[in-house]
Amino acid sequence: MQNLPFRSAAGKGRAGMVDARDVAAVAAAIAAAPAPHAGNAYWITGPELISNYDVAAVLSKLLGRTITYRELTFEENKDAMVRAGVPEPVAQQNAQAFSLTADSGTTPSGRSSARYSSHGSGHCPRPQHRPSSLRAISYLTEACLT
């Protein structure tokens, strides 16, 4: 089978990737009872910190073929996104966010995102090794798989 790489400027940095359904559950809980949340901002994360090397291992297992991760520089990452059709200002901001993840070793804010608060969503966050979590990491592969 073919080895499929994906690339990013996130380096070895780790992030608490979150399943889109968990984000939706938090949004629904806040929409259902907005008063206690007025003026608040929440840092919604997944249940564990994972790197793109971890993502490659999960994708390899789920897809039954080898997926590898290759670290890019900021410029390489930005240029790849522009070539994929992302507007240059957006590509620059995205590449910067990935680079900040690499620099901090955790999330772009520099905070560890290992803690998750459901904010009343009523369930625990989904681990990122389940097939449904491919949605949470699909943005990495859409523009980055060759």
C-alpha atoms as a PDB file:
ATOM      1  CA  MET A   1       0.000   0.000   0.000  1.00  0.00           C
ATOM      2  CA  GLN A   2       0.977   3.568  -0.618  1.00  0.00           C
ATOM      3  CA  ASN A   3       2.383   5.653   2.239  1.00  0.00           C
ATOM      4  CA  LEU A   4       0.265   8.814   2.506  1.00  0.00           C
ATOM      5  CA  PRO A   5       1.887  11.748   4.307  1.00  0.00           C
ATOM      6  CA  PHE A   6       0.244  14.811   5.737  1.00  0.00           C
ATOM      7  CA  ARG A   7       2.123  17.930   6.643  1.00  0.00           C
ATOM      8  CA  SER A   8       1.880  20.860   9.050  1.00  0.00           C
ATOM      9  CA  ALA A   9       3.979  23.454  10.847  1.00  0.00           C
ATOM     10  CA  ALA A  10       2.681  22.145  14.192  1.00  0.00           C
ATOM     11  CA  GLY A  11       5.944  20.272  14.710  1.00  0.00           C
ATOM     12  CA  LYS A  12       5.830  17.951  17.697  1.00  0.00           C
ATOM     13  CA  GLY A  13       3.330  20.207  19.470  1.00  0.00           C
ATOM     14  CA  ARG A  14       0.287  18.618  21.057  1.00  0.00           C
ATOM     15  CA  ALA A  15      -3.297  19.821  21.189  1.00  0.00           C
ATOM     16  CA  GLY A  16      -6.520  18.681  22.802  1.00  0.00           C
ATOM     17  CA  MET A  17      -8.331  17.998  19.532  1.00  0.00           C
ATOM     18  CA  VAL A  18     -12.058  18.045  20.028  1.00  0.00           C
ATOM     19  CA  ASP A  19     -14.801  16.132  18.265  1.00  0.00           C
ATOM     20  CA  ALA A  20     -17.223  18.431  16.428  1.00  0.00           C
ATOM     21  CA  ARG A  21     -20.137  16.729  18.192  1.00  0.00           C
ATOM     22  CA  ASP A  22     -18.683  17.754  21.552  1.00  0.00           C
ATOM     23  CA  VAL A  23     -18.471  21.371  20.386  1.00  0.00           C
ATOM     24  CA  ALA A  24     -22.088  21.125  19.216  1.00  0.00           C
ATOM     25  CA  ALA A  25     -23.170  19.687  22.578  1.00  0.00           C
ATOM     26  CA  VAL A  26     -21.556  22.573  24.442  1.00  0.00           C
ATOM     27  CA  ALA A  27     -23.114  25.111  22.059  1.00  0.00           C
ATOM     28  CA  ALA A  28     -26.541  23.493  22.482  1.00  0.00           C
ATOM     29  CA  ALA A  29     -26.242  23.511  26.276  1.00  0.00           C
ATOM     30  CA  ILE A  30     -25.304  27.192  26.260  1.00  0.00           C
ATOM     31  CA  ALA A  31     -28.085  28.041  23.798  1.00  0.00           C
ATOM     32  CA  ALA A  32     -30.624  26.219  25.969  1.00  0.00           C
ATOM     33  CA  ALA A  33     -29.626  28.178  29.093  1.00  0.00           C
ATOM     34  CA  PRO A  34     -27.669  31.267  27.987  1.00  0.00           C
ATOM     35  CA  ALA A  35     -27.977  33.449  31.096  1.00  0.00           C
ATOM     36  CA  PRO A  36     -25.265  31.772  33.187  1.00  0.00           C
ATOM     37  CA  HIS A  37     -22.868  31.942  30.224  1.00  0.00           C
ATOM     38  CA  ALA A  38     -23.322  35.615  29.311  1.00  0.00           C
ATOM     39  CA  GLY A  39     -19.929  37.283  28.861  1.00  0.00           C
ATOM     40  CA  ASN A  40     -18.004  34.032  29.302  1.00  0.00           C
ATOM     41  CA  ALA A  41     -15.542  32.492  26.874  1.00  0.00           C
ATOM     42  CA  TYR A  42     -14.740  28.794  27.040  1.00  0.00           C
ATOM     43  CA  TRP A  43     -11.647  26.864  26.012  1.00  0.00           C
ATOM     44  CA  ILE A  44     -13.217  23.675  24.643  1.00  0.00           C
ATOM     45  CA  THR A  45     -10.764  20.847  24.154  1.00  0.00           C
ATOM     46  CA  GLY A  46     -10.616  17.123  23.757  1.00  0.00           C
ATOM     47  CA  PRO A  47      -9.849  14.712  26.570  1.00  0.00           C
ATOM     48  CA  GLU A  48      -6.131  14.341  25.893  1.00  0.00           C
ATOM     49  CA  LEU A  49      -3.198  16.109  24.294  1.00  0.00           C
ATOM     50  CA  ILE A  50      -2.160  14.515  21.010  1.00  0.00           C
ATOM     51  CA  SER A  51       0.431  15.375  18.391  1.00  0.00           C
ATOM     52  CA  ASN A  52       0.177  15.043  14.637  1.00  0.00           C
ATOM     53  CA  TYR A  53       2.419  11.999  14.992  1.00  0.00           C
ATOM     54  CA  ASP A  54      -0.346  10.505  17.150  1.00  0.00           C
ATOM     55  CA  VAL A  55      -2.918  11.513  14.503  1.00  0.00           C
ATOM     56  CA  ALA A  56      -0.878   9.715  11.831  1.00  0.00           C
ATOM     57  CA  ALA A  57      -0.803   6.559  13.964  1.00  0.00           C
ATOM     58  CA  VAL A  58      -4.579   6.686  14.504  1.00  0.00           C
ATOM     59  CA  LEU A  59      -5.258   7.296  10.809  1.00  0.00           C
ATOM     60  CA  SER A  60      -2.931   4.424   9.873  1.00  0.00           C
ATOM     61  CA  LYS A  61      -4.817   2.070  12.162  1.00  0.00           C
ATOM     62  CA  LEU A  62      -8.281   3.220  11.067  1.00  0.00           C
ATOM     63  CA  LEU A  63      -7.534   3.311   7.348  1.00  0.00           C
ATOM     64  CA  GLY A  64      -5.417   0.163   7.207  1.00  0.00           C
ATOM     65  CA  ARG A  65      -2.499   1.850   5.456  1.00  0.00           C
ATOM     66  CA  THR A  66       0.528   3.823   6.553  1.00  0.00           C
ATOM     67  CA  ILE A  67      -0.036   7.519   7.103  1.00  0.00           C
ATOM     68  CA  THR A  68       2.979   9.608   8.062  1.00  0.00           C
ATOM     69  CA  TYR A  69       3.339  13.123   9.380  1.00  0.00           C
ATOM     70  CA  ARG A  70       5.984  15.504   8.057  1.00  0.00           C
ATOM     71  CA  GLU A  71       6.881  18.709   9.862  1.00  0.00           C
ATOM     72  CA  LEU A  72       6.834  21.851   7.715  1.00  0.00           C
ATOM     73  CA  THR A  73       8.236  25.305   8.258  1.00  0.00           C
ATOM     74  CA  PHE A  74       5.803  28.203   8.588  1.00  0.00           C
ATOM     75  CA  GLU A  75       6.432  29.232   4.959  1.00  0.00           C
ATOM     76  CA  GLU A  76       6.058  25.691   3.603  1.00  0.00           C
ATOM     77  CA  ASN A  77       2.774  25.287   5.495  1.00  0.00           C
ATOM     78  CA  LYS A  78       1.410  28.654   4.321  1.00  0.00           C
ATOM     79  CA  ASP A  79       2.422  27.991   0.700  1.00  0.00           C
ATOM     80  CA  ALA A  80       0.784  24.524   0.747  1.00  0.00           C
ATOM     81  CA  MET A  81      -2.497  26.029   1.929  1.00  0.00           C
ATOM     82  CA  VAL A  82      -2.356  28.780  -0.703  1.00  0.00           C
ATOM     83  CA  ARG A  83      -1.728  26.138  -3.393  1.00  0.00           C
ATOM     84  CA  ALA A  84      -4.783  24.245  -2.062  1.00  0.00           C
ATOM     85  CA  GLY A  85      -6.913  27.358  -2.570  1.00  0.00           C
ATOM     86  CA  VAL A  86      -6.911  28.931   0.884  1.00  0.00           C
ATOM     87  CA  PRO A  87      -6.789  32.754   0.673  1.00  0.00           C
ATOM     88  CA  GLU A  88      -3.297  33.966   1.588  1.00  0.00           C
ATOM     89  CA  PRO A  89      -4.298  35.964   4.728  1.00  0.00           C
ATOM     90  CA  VAL A  90      -6.183  32.928   6.069  1.00  0.00           C
ATOM     91  CA  ALA A  91      -3.314  30.593   5.152  1.00  0.00           C
ATOM     92  CA  GLN A  92      -0.893  32.873   6.992  1.00  0.00           C
ATOM     93  CA  GLN A  93      -3.059  32.890  10.130  1.00  0.00           C
ATOM     94  CA  ASN A  94      -3.537  29.114  10.032  1.00  0.00           C
ATOM     95  CA  ALA A  95       0.177  28.488   9.513  1.00  0.00           C
ATOM     96  CA  GLN A  96       0.916  30.849  12.400  1.00  0.00           C
ATOM     97  CA  ALA A  97      -1.478  28.935  14.667  1.00  0.00           C
ATOM     98  CA  PHE A  98       0.201  25.648  13.724  1.00  0.00           C
ATOM     99  CA  SER A  99       3.633  27.183  14.310  1.00  0.00           C
ATOM    100  CA  LEU A 100       2.578  28.444  17.733  1.00  0.00           C
ATOM    101  CA  THR A 101       1.482  24.923  18.613  1.00  0.00           C
ATOM    102  CA  ALA A 102       4.941  23.692  17.651  1.00  0.00           C
ATOM    103  CA  ASP A 103       6.669  26.449  19.626  1.00  0.00           C
ATOM    104  CA  SER A 104       4.648  25.971  22.800  1.00  0.00           C
ATOM    105  CA  GLY A 105       4.475  22.200  22.705  1.00  0.00           C
ATOM    106  CA  THR A 106       0.762  22.366  23.531  1.00  0.00           C
ATOM    107  CA  THR A 107      -2.015  24.499  22.083  1.00  0.00           C
ATOM    108  CA  PRO A 108      -1.722  27.860  20.288  1.00  0.00           C
ATOM    109  CA  SER A 109      -2.499  29.654  23.548  1.00  0.00           C
ATOM    110  CA  GLY A 110       0.400  27.895  25.233  1.00  0.00           C
ATOM    111  CA  ARG A 111      -1.991  26.344  27.746  1.00  0.00           C
ATOM    112  CA  SER A 112      -2.262  22.640  28.210  1.00  0.00           C
ATOM    113  CA  SER A 113      -5.638  21.555  26.925  1.00  0.00           C
ATOM    114  CA  ALA A 114      -5.776  18.238  28.738  1.00  0.00           C
ATOM    115  CA  ARG A 115      -8.688  19.440  30.858  1.00  0.00           C
ATOM    116  CA  TYR A 116     -12.130  19.422  29.309  1.00  0.00           C
ATOM    117  CA  SER A 117     -15.218  21.033  30.724  1.00  0.00           C
ATOM    118  CA  SER A 118     -18.507  19.913  29.280  1.00  0.00           C
ATOM    119  CA  HIS A 119     -20.196  23.124  30.498  1.00  0.00           C
ATOM    120  CA  GLY A 120     -23.382  21.146  30.998  1.00  0.00           C
ATOM    121  CA  SER A 121     -23.320  19.184  27.744  1.00  0.00           C
ATOM    122  CA  GLY A 122     -24.153  16.040  29.735  1.00  0.00           C
ATOM    123  CA  HIS A 123     -21.463  13.684  28.456  1.00  0.00           C
ATOM    124  CA  CYS A 124     -17.745  13.071  28.506  1.00  0.00           C
ATOM    125  CA  PRO A 125     -15.674  14.140  25.497  1.00  0.00           C
ATOM    126  CA  ARG A 126     -15.011  11.528  22.854  1.00  0.00           C
ATOM    127  CA  PRO A 127     -11.467  10.133  22.736  1.00  0.00           C
ATOM    128  CA  GLN A 128      -9.692  10.981  19.495  1.00  0.00           C
ATOM    129  CA  HIS A 129      -8.932   7.355  18.619  1.00  0.00           C
ATOM    130  CA  ARG A 130     -12.498   6.479  17.584  1.00  0.00           C
ATOM    131  CA  PRO A 131     -13.568   6.508  13.920  1.00  0.00           C
ATOM    132  CA  SER A 132     -15.912   9.448  14.605  1.00  0.00           C
ATOM    133  CA  SER A 133     -12.916  11.545  15.585  1.00  0.00           C
ATOM    134  CA  LEU A 134     -11.777  11.530  11.970  1.00  0.00           C
ATOM    135  CA  ARG A 135     -14.102  14.518  11.642  1.00  0.00           C
ATOM    136  CA  ALA A 136     -12.046  16.397  14.231  1.00  0.00           C
ATOM    137  CA  ILE A 137      -8.820  15.783  12.363  1.00  0.00           C
ATOM    138  CA  SER A 138     -10.099  15.776   8.795  1.00  0.00           C
ATOM    139  CA  TYR A 139      -9.067  19.404   8.289  1.00  0.00           C
ATOM    140  CA  LEU A 140      -5.480  18.214   8.652  1.00  0.00           C
ATOM    141  CA  THR A 141      -5.820  15.708   5.865  1.00  0.00           C
ATOM    142  CA  GLU A 142      -8.029  17.556   3.369  1.00  0.00           C
ATOM    143  CA  ALA A 143      -5.378  20.000   2.200  1.00  0.00           C
ATOM    144  CA  CYS A 144      -2.335  18.097   3.393  1.00  0.00           C
ATOM    145  CA  LEU A 145      -2.621  14.559   1.974  1.00  0.00           C
ATOM    146  CA  THR A 146      -0.737  14.114  -1.235  1.00  0.00           C
END
